[in-house]
């Protein structure tokens, strides 16, 4: 299954971007034997529309246009469900085992995600009820994707 991160907003050069790259490189190396192929990041600029709802609709439309056809979608949103690392790893493994060719993990812009995009999602995931900066969400997601590989392979990186 090909894994893609689709995000509204761009990572600027700096330590956050370097850390994301480190985890995604580990994912790219450890994922293929587990049937998890790293496909890359799709970055879209934030909408310039006047209202929050218009911005969310505009960003959702551009996100949908960038998704592979029939991709499973996991949205990251503070209103989603929190899961432990094992649950998340087994959720990804289940999607892979169902024969899903693509999984896209979507990070919305500062206004959040449009409700019609959430309706298309296989799952809405939260990293907690707090609001996190875009760069930190990317770090957390990249690390959890790599951690998924270590859990599924029995690697000692995940000790809990």
N, C-alpha and C. Protein backbone atom coordinates (compact mmCIF):
# COMPACT_ATOMS: atom_id res chain seq x y z
N UNK A 1 0.85 -1.16 0.00
CA UNK A 1 0.00 0.00 0.00
C UNK A 1 0.91 1.23 0.00
N UNK A 2 0.59 2.16 -0.88
CA UNK A 2 1.37 3.40 -0.97
C UNK A 2 0.84 4.40 0.05
N UNK A 3 1.74 5.00 0.82
CA UNK A 3 1.38 5.99 1.84
C UNK A 3 1.78 7.37 1.35
N UNK A 4 0.83 8.29 1.40
CA UNK A 4 1.07 9.68 1.01
C UNK A 4 0.57 10.58 2.13
N UNK A 5 1.29 11.64 2.40
CA UNK A 5 0.80 12.70 3.28
C UNK A 5 0.41 13.86 2.39
N UNK A 6 -0.84 14.31 2.51
CA UNK A 6 -1.32 15.49 1.79
C UNK A 6 -1.57 16.57 2.83
N UNK A 7 -0.95 17.70 2.66
CA UNK A 7 -1.02 18.74 3.68
C UNK A 7 -1.27 20.11 3.08
N UNK A 8 -2.09 20.88 3.77
CA UNK A 8 -2.28 22.29 3.44
C UNK A 8 -1.20 23.03 4.22
N UNK A 9 -0.33 23.72 3.50
CA UNK A 9 0.78 24.42 4.13
C UNK A 9 2.10 23.76 3.75
N UNK A 10 3.13 24.53 3.81
CA UNK A 10 4.46 24.05 3.41
C UNK A 10 5.40 24.05 4.62
N UNK A 11 6.28 23.06 4.62
CA UNK A 11 7.32 23.02 5.65
C UNK A 11 8.47 23.90 5.18
N UNK A 12 8.89 24.80 6.03
CA UNK A 12 10.04 25.63 5.72
C UNK A 12 11.31 24.89 6.14
N UNK A 13 12.42 25.28 5.55
CA UNK A 13 13.71 24.68 5.92
C UNK A 13 13.96 24.94 7.40
N UNK A 14 14.54 23.95 8.05
CA UNK A 14 14.85 24.10 9.47
C UNK A 14 14.83 22.75 10.16
N UNK A 15 14.99 22.76 11.47
CA UNK A 15 15.09 21.50 12.22
C UNK A 15 13.82 20.65 12.16
N UNK A 16 12.64 21.28 12.07
CA UNK A 16 11.40 20.51 11.98
C UNK A 16 11.36 19.71 10.68
N UNK A 17 11.70 20.37 9.59
CA UNK A 17 11.73 19.70 8.29
C UNK A 17 12.75 18.57 8.26
N UNK A 18 13.91 18.81 8.88
CA UNK A 18 14.95 17.79 8.95
C UNK A 18 14.46 16.57 9.73
N UNK A 19 13.77 16.80 10.82
CA UNK A 19 13.27 15.69 11.64
C UNK A 19 12.20 14.89 10.89
N UNK A 20 11.29 15.57 10.22
CA UNK A 20 10.29 14.88 9.40
C UNK A 20 10.99 14.04 8.34
N UNK A 21 11.98 14.61 7.67
CA UNK A 21 12.71 13.89 6.62
C UNK A 21 13.40 12.65 7.19
N UNK A 22 13.94 12.75 8.39
CA UNK A 22 14.61 11.60 9.00
C UNK A 22 13.64 10.45 9.21
N UNK A 23 12.45 10.75 9.77
CA UNK A 23 11.46 9.68 10.00
C UNK A 23 10.91 9.12 8.70
N UNK A 24 10.68 9.98 7.72
CA UNK A 24 10.14 9.50 6.45
C UNK A 24 11.18 8.68 5.68
N UNK A 25 12.45 9.01 5.83
CA UNK A 25 13.49 8.19 5.22
C UNK A 25 13.52 6.80 5.87
N UNK A 26 13.38 6.75 7.18
CA UNK A 26 13.32 5.46 7.88
C UNK A 26 12.10 4.66 7.40
N UNK A 27 10.97 5.34 7.25
CA UNK A 27 9.76 4.69 6.74
C UNK A 27 10.01 4.13 5.34
N UNK A 28 10.63 4.92 4.48
CA UNK A 28 10.87 4.50 3.10
C UNK A 28 11.75 3.25 3.05
N UNK A 29 12.67 3.12 4.00
CA UNK A 29 13.56 1.96 4.03
C UNK A 29 12.93 0.74 4.70
N UNK A 30 12.13 0.95 5.74
CA UNK A 30 11.60 -0.18 6.50
C UNK A 30 10.21 -0.62 6.06
N UNK A 31 9.49 0.21 5.33
CA UNK A 31 8.12 -0.10 4.94
C UNK A 31 7.92 -1.14 3.86
N UNK A 32 8.71 -1.13 2.77
CA UNK A 32 8.44 -2.06 1.67
C UNK A 32 8.36 -3.54 2.04
N UNK A 33 9.22 -4.07 2.91
CA UNK A 33 9.06 -5.48 3.27
C UNK A 33 7.73 -5.78 3.97
N UNK A 34 7.10 -4.74 4.50
CA UNK A 34 5.83 -4.89 5.21
C UNK A 34 4.64 -4.54 4.32
N UNK A 35 4.90 -4.24 3.05
CA UNK A 35 3.83 -3.85 2.14
C UNK A 35 3.41 -2.41 2.29
N UNK A 36 4.28 -1.57 2.87
CA UNK A 36 4.01 -0.14 3.06
C UNK A 36 5.07 0.65 2.30
N UNK A 37 4.66 1.25 1.21
CA UNK A 37 5.57 1.99 0.35
C UNK A 37 5.36 3.49 0.56
N UNK A 38 6.44 4.22 0.81
CA UNK A 38 6.35 5.66 0.99
C UNK A 38 6.24 6.32 -0.38
N UNK A 39 5.13 7.05 -0.62
CA UNK A 39 4.89 7.68 -1.92
C UNK A 39 5.22 9.17 -1.92
N UNK A 40 5.33 9.79 -0.76
CA UNK A 40 5.74 11.18 -0.71
C UNK A 40 4.72 12.11 -0.07
N UNK A 41 5.03 13.39 -0.13
CA UNK A 41 4.20 14.45 0.45
C UNK A 41 3.64 15.31 -0.67
N UNK A 42 2.36 15.62 -0.57
CA UNK A 42 1.72 16.58 -1.46
C UNK A 42 1.42 17.80 -0.60
N UNK A 43 2.04 18.93 -0.95
CA UNK A 43 1.82 20.18 -0.21
C UNK A 43 1.00 21.13 -1.05
N UNK A 44 -0.03 21.68 -0.44
CA UNK A 44 -0.88 22.66 -1.12
C UNK A 44 -0.85 23.97 -0.35
N UNK A 45 -0.81 25.09 -1.04
CA UNK A 45 -0.82 26.37 -0.32
C UNK A 45 -2.17 26.61 0.35
N UNK A 46 -2.13 27.39 1.43
CA UNK A 46 -3.36 27.76 2.11
C UNK A 46 -4.23 28.59 1.18
N UNK A 47 -5.54 28.43 1.35
CA UNK A 47 -6.49 29.21 0.55
C UNK A 47 -6.44 30.67 0.96
N UNK A 48 -6.72 31.53 0.02
CA UNK A 48 -6.80 32.97 0.27
C UNK A 48 -8.25 33.46 0.29
N UNK A 49 -9.20 32.54 0.33
CA UNK A 49 -10.62 32.93 0.33
C UNK A 49 -10.93 33.78 1.56
N UNK A 50 -12.03 34.52 1.47
CA UNK A 50 -12.37 35.51 2.50
C UNK A 50 -12.81 34.91 3.82
N UNK A 51 -13.63 33.86 3.79
CA UNK A 51 -14.17 33.31 5.04
C UNK A 51 -13.57 31.94 5.34
N UNK A 52 -13.69 31.54 6.58
CA UNK A 52 -13.18 30.24 7.02
C UNK A 52 -13.84 29.10 6.24
N UNK A 53 -15.14 29.15 6.08
CA UNK A 53 -15.85 28.08 5.36
C UNK A 53 -15.42 28.02 3.89
N UNK A 54 -15.24 29.18 3.28
CA UNK A 54 -14.78 29.20 1.88
C UNK A 54 -13.36 28.64 1.77
N UNK A 55 -12.51 28.98 2.73
CA UNK A 55 -11.14 28.46 2.72
C UNK A 55 -11.15 26.94 2.87
N UNK A 56 -11.96 26.42 3.79
CA UNK A 56 -12.04 24.97 3.99
C UNK A 56 -12.55 24.27 2.74
N UNK A 57 -13.57 24.83 2.10
CA UNK A 57 -14.11 24.23 0.86
C UNK A 57 -13.07 24.24 -0.26
N UNK A 58 -12.39 25.38 -0.41
CA UNK A 58 -11.37 25.50 -1.44
C UNK A 58 -10.24 24.49 -1.20
N UNK A 59 -9.75 24.42 0.03
CA UNK A 59 -8.66 23.49 0.35
C UNK A 59 -9.11 22.04 0.17
N UNK A 60 -10.33 21.72 0.58
CA UNK A 60 -10.85 20.35 0.42
C UNK A 60 -10.92 19.97 -1.05
N UNK A 61 -11.38 20.89 -1.90
CA UNK A 61 -11.45 20.61 -3.33
C UNK A 61 -10.08 20.33 -3.92
N UNK A 62 -9.11 21.11 -3.52
CA UNK A 62 -7.75 20.90 -4.04
C UNK A 62 -7.13 19.63 -3.47
N UNK A 63 -7.43 19.31 -2.21
CA UNK A 63 -6.94 18.05 -1.63
C UNK A 63 -7.52 16.85 -2.36
N UNK A 64 -8.83 16.86 -2.59
CA UNK A 64 -9.47 15.75 -3.29
C UNK A 64 -8.88 15.58 -4.68
N UNK A 65 -8.64 16.68 -5.38
CA UNK A 65 -8.08 16.61 -6.72
C UNK A 65 -6.67 16.00 -6.72
N UNK A 66 -5.96 16.14 -5.60
CA UNK A 66 -4.59 15.63 -5.51
C UNK A 66 -4.52 14.17 -5.06
N UNK A 67 -5.65 13.60 -4.63
CA UNK A 67 -5.64 12.23 -4.09
C UNK A 67 -5.68 11.20 -5.21
N UNK A 68 -4.98 10.08 -5.02
CA UNK A 68 -5.12 8.99 -5.97
C UNK A 68 -6.56 8.47 -5.96
N UNK A 69 -7.03 8.02 -7.10
CA UNK A 69 -8.39 7.50 -7.21
C UNK A 69 -8.58 6.32 -6.26
N UNK A 70 -9.69 6.29 -5.56
CA UNK A 70 -10.08 5.22 -4.64
C UNK A 70 -9.14 5.07 -3.44
N UNK A 71 -8.40 6.11 -3.11
CA UNK A 71 -7.49 6.04 -1.97
C UNK A 71 -8.29 6.00 -0.67
N UNK A 72 -7.81 5.23 0.28
CA UNK A 72 -8.33 5.32 1.64
C UNK A 72 -7.80 6.63 2.21
N UNK A 73 -8.60 7.28 3.04
CA UNK A 73 -8.22 8.58 3.59
C UNK A 73 -8.29 8.54 5.11
N UNK A 74 -7.23 9.00 5.73
CA UNK A 74 -7.24 9.24 7.18
C UNK A 74 -7.00 10.73 7.35
N UNK A 75 -7.95 11.40 7.99
CA UNK A 75 -7.82 12.83 8.27
C UNK A 75 -7.24 13.02 9.66
N UNK A 76 -6.40 14.01 9.80
CA UNK A 76 -5.91 14.39 11.12
C UNK A 76 -6.67 15.64 11.53
N UNK A 77 -7.38 15.54 12.65
CA UNK A 77 -8.21 16.64 13.11
C UNK A 77 -8.41 16.50 14.61
N UNK A 78 -8.45 17.61 15.32
CA UNK A 78 -8.60 17.57 16.77
C UNK A 78 -9.93 16.96 17.21
N UNK A 79 -10.89 16.88 16.31
CA UNK A 79 -12.18 16.28 16.66
C UNK A 79 -12.20 14.76 16.44
N UNK A 80 -11.11 14.22 15.94
CA UNK A 80 -11.04 12.79 15.65
C UNK A 80 -10.83 11.95 16.90
N UNK A 81 -10.61 10.68 16.66
CA UNK A 81 -10.41 9.71 17.73
C UNK A 81 -8.92 9.58 18.03
N UNK A 82 -8.57 9.51 19.30
CA UNK A 82 -7.18 9.26 19.67
C UNK A 82 -6.96 7.76 19.73
N UNK A 83 -5.80 7.33 19.29
CA UNK A 83 -5.45 5.91 19.31
C UNK A 83 -4.03 5.77 19.83
N UNK A 84 -3.76 4.60 20.39
CA UNK A 84 -2.39 4.26 20.75
C UNK A 84 -1.63 3.85 19.50
N UNK A 85 -0.33 3.76 19.63
CA UNK A 85 0.51 3.41 18.49
C UNK A 85 0.19 2.02 17.94
N UNK A 86 -0.08 1.06 18.82
CA UNK A 86 -0.44 -0.28 18.33
C UNK A 86 -1.74 -0.25 17.55
N UNK A 87 -2.74 0.47 18.05
CA UNK A 87 -4.02 0.56 17.34
C UNK A 87 -3.82 1.18 15.95
N UNK A 88 -3.04 2.25 15.91
CA UNK A 88 -2.79 2.92 14.64
C UNK A 88 -2.06 1.99 13.67
N UNK A 89 -1.05 1.29 14.15
CA UNK A 89 -0.30 0.36 13.30
C UNK A 89 -1.23 -0.72 12.75
N UNK A 90 -2.08 -1.26 13.60
CA UNK A 90 -2.98 -2.33 13.15
C UNK A 90 -4.08 -1.80 12.23
N UNK A 91 -4.47 -0.55 12.40
CA UNK A 91 -5.42 0.08 11.46
C UNK A 91 -4.81 0.16 10.07
N UNK A 92 -3.55 0.61 9.98
CA UNK A 92 -2.88 0.69 8.69
C UNK A 92 -2.68 -0.70 8.08
N UNK A 93 -2.31 -1.66 8.92
CA UNK A 93 -2.13 -3.03 8.44
C UNK A 93 -3.45 -3.60 7.91
N UNK A 94 -4.56 -3.29 8.58
CA UNK A 94 -5.87 -3.78 8.12
C UNK A 94 -6.23 -3.18 6.77
N UNK A 95 -5.97 -1.89 6.57
CA UNK A 95 -6.23 -1.26 5.27
C UNK A 95 -5.36 -1.91 4.20
N UNK A 96 -4.11 -2.15 4.52
CA UNK A 96 -3.20 -2.82 3.58
C UNK A 96 -3.73 -4.22 3.25
N UNK A 97 -4.15 -4.95 4.27
CA UNK A 97 -4.61 -6.33 4.08
C UNK A 97 -5.94 -6.42 3.36
N UNK A 98 -6.71 -5.33 3.36
CA UNK A 98 -7.96 -5.28 2.58
C UNK A 98 -7.66 -5.10 1.09
N UNK A 99 -6.41 -4.85 0.77
CA UNK A 99 -6.03 -4.67 -0.63
C UNK A 99 -6.06 -3.23 -1.09
N UNK A 100 -6.10 -2.30 -0.14
CA UNK A 100 -6.07 -0.88 -0.53
C UNK A 100 -4.74 -0.57 -1.19
N UNK A 101 -4.79 0.05 -2.34
CA UNK A 101 -3.56 0.40 -3.06
C UNK A 101 -2.94 1.67 -2.51
N UNK A 102 -3.78 2.61 -2.08
CA UNK A 102 -3.28 3.91 -1.60
C UNK A 102 -3.95 4.30 -0.31
N UNK A 103 -3.16 4.90 0.58
CA UNK A 103 -3.66 5.52 1.79
C UNK A 103 -3.08 6.92 1.84
N UNK A 104 -3.96 7.90 1.99
CA UNK A 104 -3.53 9.29 2.10
C UNK A 104 -3.89 9.79 3.49
N UNK A 105 -2.91 10.34 4.17
CA UNK A 105 -3.10 10.94 5.49
C UNK A 105 -3.13 12.45 5.28
N UNK A 106 -4.24 13.08 5.64
CA UNK A 106 -4.50 14.47 5.28
C UNK A 106 -4.39 15.38 6.50
N UNK A 107 -3.59 16.42 6.35
CA UNK A 107 -3.44 17.47 7.36
C UNK A 107 -4.04 18.74 6.77
N UNK A 108 -5.05 19.27 7.43
CA UNK A 108 -5.73 20.47 6.93
C UNK A 108 -4.97 21.74 7.26
N UNK A 109 -5.55 22.83 6.82
CA UNK A 109 -4.98 24.15 7.08
C UNK A 109 -5.39 24.70 8.43
N UNK A 110 -5.08 25.96 8.71
CA UNK A 110 -5.36 26.57 10.00
C UNK A 110 -6.85 26.60 10.37
N UNK A 111 -7.72 26.58 9.35
CA UNK A 111 -9.16 26.61 9.63
C UNK A 111 -9.74 25.22 9.84
N UNK A 112 -8.96 24.19 9.63
CA UNK A 112 -9.46 22.82 9.76
C UNK A 112 -9.85 22.26 8.40
N UNK A 113 -10.69 21.23 8.44
CA UNK A 113 -11.08 20.51 7.24
C UNK A 113 -12.58 20.61 7.00
N UNK A 114 -12.97 20.65 5.75
CA UNK A 114 -14.39 20.71 5.39
C UNK A 114 -15.09 19.41 5.79
N UNK A 115 -16.33 19.51 6.22
CA UNK A 115 -17.08 18.34 6.68
C UNK A 115 -17.30 17.32 5.57
N UNK A 116 -17.43 17.76 4.31
CA UNK A 116 -17.63 16.79 3.23
C UNK A 116 -16.37 15.95 3.00
N UNK A 117 -15.20 16.49 3.30
CA UNK A 117 -13.98 15.71 3.21
C UNK A 117 -13.94 14.67 4.34
N UNK A 118 -14.37 15.07 5.52
CA UNK A 118 -14.43 14.14 6.64
C UNK A 118 -15.38 12.98 6.34
N UNK A 119 -16.45 13.25 5.62
CA UNK A 119 -17.42 12.20 5.28
C UNK A 119 -16.81 11.16 4.35
N UNK A 120 -15.81 11.53 3.57
CA UNK A 120 -15.14 10.59 2.65
C UNK A 120 -14.05 9.77 3.33
N UNK A 121 -13.67 10.17 4.53
CA UNK A 121 -12.54 9.55 5.21
C UNK A 121 -12.88 8.17 5.77
N UNK A 122 -11.88 7.30 5.75
CA UNK A 122 -12.00 6.00 6.40
C UNK A 122 -11.94 6.17 7.91
N UNK A 123 -11.23 7.21 8.35
CA UNK A 123 -11.01 7.42 9.77
C UNK A 123 -10.57 8.86 9.99
N UNK A 124 -10.96 9.42 11.14
CA UNK A 124 -10.49 10.74 11.54
C UNK A 124 -9.68 10.54 12.82
N UNK A 125 -8.41 10.91 12.76
CA UNK A 125 -7.46 10.69 13.84
C UNK A 125 -7.11 12.00 14.51
N UNK A 126 -6.96 11.95 15.82
CA UNK A 126 -6.55 13.12 16.57
C UNK A 126 -5.28 12.81 17.35
N UNK A 127 -4.38 13.76 17.39
CA UNK A 127 -3.21 13.67 18.25
C UNK A 127 -3.48 14.38 19.57
N UNK A 128 -4.73 14.45 19.95
CA UNK A 128 -5.15 15.09 21.20
C UNK A 128 -6.05 16.28 20.91
N UNK A 129 -6.68 16.77 21.93
CA UNK A 129 -7.63 17.86 21.75
C UNK A 129 -6.97 19.22 21.64
N UNK A 130 -5.69 19.28 21.92
CA UNK A 130 -4.98 20.56 21.78
C UNK A 130 -4.76 20.86 20.30
N UNK A 131 -4.60 22.12 20.00
CA UNK A 131 -4.28 22.55 18.64
C UNK A 131 -2.75 22.54 18.51
N UNK A 132 -2.26 21.88 17.47
CA UNK A 132 -0.82 21.77 17.24
C UNK A 132 -0.43 22.55 15.99
N UNK A 133 0.74 23.17 16.01
CA UNK A 133 1.23 23.82 14.79
C UNK A 133 1.43 22.76 13.69
N UNK A 134 1.23 23.19 12.47
CA UNK A 134 1.35 22.32 11.30
C UNK A 134 2.65 21.52 11.30
N UNK A 135 3.76 22.18 11.61
CA UNK A 135 5.06 21.51 11.57
C UNK A 135 5.14 20.39 12.61
N UNK A 136 4.58 20.61 13.77
CA UNK A 136 4.63 19.58 14.81
C UNK A 136 3.74 18.40 14.44
N UNK A 137 2.59 18.66 13.84
CA UNK A 137 1.73 17.57 13.39
C UNK A 137 2.47 16.70 12.38
N UNK A 138 3.19 17.33 11.48
CA UNK A 138 3.96 16.55 10.50
C UNK A 138 5.02 15.69 11.17
N UNK A 139 5.69 16.25 12.17
CA UNK A 139 6.69 15.46 12.90
C UNK A 139 6.03 14.28 13.58
N UNK A 140 4.93 14.53 14.29
CA UNK A 140 4.23 13.45 14.99
C UNK A 140 3.76 12.37 14.03
N UNK A 141 3.20 12.78 12.90
CA UNK A 141 2.70 11.81 11.93
C UNK A 141 3.85 11.00 11.33
N UNK A 142 4.93 11.67 10.93
CA UNK A 142 6.06 10.96 10.34
C UNK A 142 6.63 9.94 11.33
N UNK A 143 6.74 10.33 12.59
CA UNK A 143 7.27 9.40 13.59
C UNK A 143 6.34 8.22 13.77
N UNK A 144 5.03 8.46 13.80
CA UNK A 144 4.08 7.36 13.98
C UNK A 144 4.04 6.43 12.78
N UNK A 145 4.25 6.95 11.58
CA UNK A 145 4.33 6.09 10.40
C UNK A 145 5.55 5.18 10.48
N UNK A 146 6.67 5.75 10.90
CA UNK A 146 7.86 4.91 11.09
C UNK A 146 7.63 3.91 12.23
N UNK A 147 7.04 4.37 13.33
CA UNK A 147 6.77 3.49 14.47
C UNK A 147 5.84 2.35 14.05
N UNK A 148 4.90 2.62 13.15
CA UNK A 148 4.03 1.57 12.63
C UNK A 148 4.87 0.44 12.04
N UNK A 149 5.87 0.80 11.25
CA UNK A 149 6.74 -0.23 10.65
C UNK A 149 7.47 -1.02 11.72
N UNK A 150 7.93 -0.35 12.76
CA UNK A 150 8.67 -1.07 13.80
C UNK A 150 7.75 -1.99 14.58
N UNK A 151 6.52 -1.58 14.80
CA UNK A 151 5.55 -2.43 15.51
C UNK A 151 5.23 -3.65 14.66
N UNK A 152 4.92 -3.42 13.39
CA UNK A 152 4.52 -4.53 12.52
C UNK A 152 5.66 -5.51 12.26
N UNK A 153 6.90 -5.04 12.35
CA UNK A 153 8.04 -5.92 12.10
C UNK A 153 8.63 -6.51 13.38
N UNK A 154 8.14 -6.07 14.54
CA UNK A 154 8.68 -6.56 15.81
C UNK A 154 10.02 -5.95 16.18
N UNK A 155 10.36 -4.83 15.56
CA UNK A 155 11.62 -4.12 15.84
C UNK A 155 11.57 -3.55 17.26
N UNK A 156 12.69 -3.53 17.97
CA UNK A 156 12.68 -3.05 19.36
C UNK A 156 12.53 -1.53 19.55
N UNK A 157 12.46 -0.76 18.46
CA UNK A 157 12.25 0.69 18.59
C UNK A 157 11.03 0.98 19.45
N UNK A 158 9.95 0.23 19.21
CA UNK A 158 8.73 0.42 20.02
C UNK A 158 8.77 -0.55 21.18
N UNK A 159 8.96 -0.05 22.37
CA UNK A 159 9.13 -0.91 23.53
C UNK A 159 7.90 -1.07 24.40
N UNK A 160 6.88 -0.27 24.16
CA UNK A 160 5.70 -0.31 25.04
C UNK A 160 4.78 -1.44 24.68
